[in-house]
Amino acid sequence: MTREKLEIELRKIGVSEDDYSINEGLIPNSYIIDEFNSEWRLFYYDEKGKHSDYKFFKNEEETYEHLLNLFKEDLKLLGKDKFR
């Protein structure tokens, strides 16, 4: 999955751009994707500056797919089709 495709899919399900960051620094209460030591990492960054739920991937496409699936799982738990 490309970044463009990810962003389209996230908009479809109502995910705000404030809920994630892709190589654009840390945003509190959001998922962060960045390239780190030739790997892609995905983690959650909370309002207190804590990092959690680290996952590492070999390429950005897998990372994007995983992020999309995280948001879709959250929707399923909430019993909703969209966040907003």
C-alpha atoms as a PDB file:
ATOM      1  CA  MET A   1       0.000   0.000   0.000  1.00  0.00           C
ATOM      2  CA  THR A   2       1.295   3.431  -0.870  1.00  0.00           C
ATOM      3  CA  ARG A   3       1.103   6.448   1.400  1.00  0.00           C
ATOM      4  CA  GLU A   4      -1.429   8.038  -0.938  1.00  0.00           C
ATOM      5  CA  LYS A   5      -3.668   4.945  -0.813  1.00  0.00           C
ATOM      6  CA  LEU A   6      -3.358   4.821   2.994  1.00  0.00           C
ATOM      7  CA  GLU A   7      -4.412   8.447   3.347  1.00  0.00           C
ATOM      8  CA  ILE A   8      -7.403   7.887   1.060  1.00  0.00           C
ATOM      9  CA  GLU A   9      -8.513   4.854   3.053  1.00  0.00           C
ATOM     10  CA  LEU A  10      -8.063   6.650   6.378  1.00  0.00           C
ATOM     11  CA  ARG A  11     -10.175   9.580   5.188  1.00  0.00           C
ATOM     12  CA  LYS A  12     -12.912   7.143   4.102  1.00  0.00           C
ATOM     13  CA  ILE A  13     -13.236   5.847   7.653  1.00  0.00           C
ATOM     14  CA  GLY A  14     -13.037   9.285   9.246  1.00  0.00           C
ATOM     15  CA  VAL A  15      -9.509   9.222  10.659  1.00  0.00           C
ATOM     16  CA  SER A  16      -8.222  12.737  11.275  1.00  0.00           C
ATOM     17  CA  GLU A  17      -4.745  13.762  10.133  1.00  0.00           C
ATOM     18  CA  ASP A  18      -4.123  14.570  13.816  1.00  0.00           C
ATOM     19  CA  ASP A  19      -4.448  10.861  14.655  1.00  0.00           C
ATOM     20  CA  TYR A  20      -1.264   9.829  12.858  1.00  0.00           C
ATOM     21  CA  SER A  21       2.065  11.153  11.605  1.00  0.00           C
ATOM     22  CA  ILE A  22       4.188   9.765   8.771  1.00  0.00           C
ATOM     23  CA  ASN A  23       7.776  11.033   8.931  1.00  0.00           C
ATOM     24  CA  GLU A  24       6.499  14.369  10.229  1.00  0.00           C
ATOM     25  CA  GLY A  25       7.432  14.262  13.888  1.00  0.00           C
ATOM     26  CA  LEU A  26       5.592  13.486  17.075  1.00  0.00           C
ATOM     27  CA  ILE A  27       1.948  14.401  17.533  1.00  0.00           C
ATOM     28  CA  PRO A  28       0.498  13.660  20.983  1.00  0.00           C
ATOM     29  CA  ASN A  29      -2.239  11.013  21.095  1.00  0.00           C
ATOM     30  CA  SER A  30      -1.418   9.624  17.671  1.00  0.00           C
ATOM     31  CA  TYR A  31       0.243   6.792  15.837  1.00  0.00           C
ATOM     32  CA  ILE A  32       3.693   7.609  14.524  1.00  0.00           C
ATOM     33  CA  ILE A  33       5.339   6.035  11.485  1.00  0.00           C
ATOM     34  CA  ASP A  34       8.955   6.737  10.680  1.00  0.00           C
ATOM     35  CA  GLU A  35      12.000   5.154   9.164  1.00  0.00           C
ATOM     36  CA  PHE A  36      14.546   4.133  11.793  1.00  0.00           C
ATOM     37  CA  ASN A  37      17.821   2.280  11.156  1.00  0.00           C
ATOM     38  CA  SER A  38      16.690   1.053   7.713  1.00  0.00           C
ATOM     39  CA  GLU A  39      13.440  -0.291   9.161  1.00  0.00           C
ATOM     40  CA  TRP A  40      10.014   1.228   9.470  1.00  0.00           C
ATOM     41  CA  ARG A  41       8.543   1.580  12.914  1.00  0.00           C
ATOM     42  CA  LEU A  42       5.048   2.235  14.111  1.00  0.00           C
ATOM     43  CA  PHE A  43       4.175   3.229  17.659  1.00  0.00           C
ATOM     44  CA  TYR A  44       1.653   5.162  19.688  1.00  0.00           C
ATOM     45  CA  TYR A  45       2.732   8.465  21.254  1.00  0.00           C
ATOM     46  CA  ASP A  46       0.570   9.682  24.136  1.00  0.00           C
ATOM     47  CA  GLU A  47       0.010  13.139  25.614  1.00  0.00           C
ATOM     48  CA  LYS A  48       2.602  12.498  28.336  1.00  0.00           C
ATOM     49  CA  GLY A  49       5.327  11.764  25.797  1.00  0.00           C
ATOM     50  CA  LYS A  50       5.305   8.012  26.298  1.00  0.00           C
ATOM     51  CA  HIS A  51       5.844   5.652  23.372  1.00  0.00           C
ATOM     52  CA  SER A  52       4.036   2.324  23.310  1.00  0.00           C
ATOM     53  CA  ASP A  53       3.015  -0.552  21.059  1.00  0.00           C
ATOM     54  CA  TYR A  54       6.230  -0.525  19.027  1.00  0.00           C
ATOM     55  CA  LYS A  55       6.173  -2.580  15.854  1.00  0.00           C
ATOM     56  CA  PHE A  56       8.956  -2.804  13.283  1.00  0.00           C
ATOM     57  CA  PHE A  57       8.535  -3.571   9.586  1.00  0.00           C
ATOM     58  CA  LYS A  58      10.872  -4.249   6.677  1.00  0.00           C
ATOM     59  CA  ASN A  59       9.123  -1.787   4.357  1.00  0.00           C
ATOM     60  CA  GLU A  60       6.751   1.139   4.450  1.00  0.00           C
ATOM     61  CA  GLU A  61       3.943  -0.665   2.596  1.00  0.00           C
ATOM     62  CA  GLU A  62       3.556  -3.235   5.391  1.00  0.00           C
ATOM     63  CA  THR A  63       3.651  -0.445   7.949  1.00  0.00           C
ATOM     64  CA  TYR A  64       0.841   1.434   6.207  1.00  0.00           C
ATOM     65  CA  GLU A  65      -1.288  -1.704   5.964  1.00  0.00           C
ATOM     66  CA  HIS A  66      -0.794  -2.391   9.656  1.00  0.00           C
ATOM     67  CA  LEU A  67      -1.795   1.161  10.617  1.00  0.00           C
ATOM     68  CA  LEU A  68      -4.958   0.941   8.532  1.00  0.00           C
ATOM     69  CA  ASN A  69      -5.817  -2.378  10.171  1.00  0.00           C
ATOM     70  CA  LEU A  70      -5.308  -0.876  13.646  1.00  0.00           C
ATOM     71  CA  PHE A  71      -7.856   1.837  12.918  1.00  0.00           C
ATOM     72  CA  LYS A  72     -10.277  -0.673  11.383  1.00  0.00           C
ATOM     73  CA  GLU A  73      -9.981  -2.907  14.465  1.00  0.00           C
ATOM     74  CA  ASP A  74     -10.754   0.104  16.674  1.00  0.00           C
ATOM     75  CA  LEU A  75     -13.879   0.790  14.613  1.00  0.00           C
ATOM     76  CA  LYS A  76     -14.971  -2.813  14.939  1.00  0.00           C
ATOM     77  CA  LEU A  77     -14.548  -2.644  18.725  1.00  0.00           C
ATOM     78  CA  LEU A  78     -16.605   0.546  18.791  1.00  0.00           C
ATOM     79  CA  GLY A  79     -19.265  -0.989  16.563  1.00  0.00           C
ATOM     80  CA  LYS A  80     -19.002   1.869  14.082  1.00  0.00           C
ATOM     81  CA  ASP A  81     -18.348   2.338  10.373  1.00  0.00           C
ATOM     82  CA  LYS A  82     -16.579   5.692  10.751  1.00  0.00           C
ATOM     83  CA  PHE A  83     -14.832   7.688  13.450  1.00  0.00           C
ATOM     84  CA  ARG A  84     -16.386  11.031  12.491  1.00  0.00           C
END
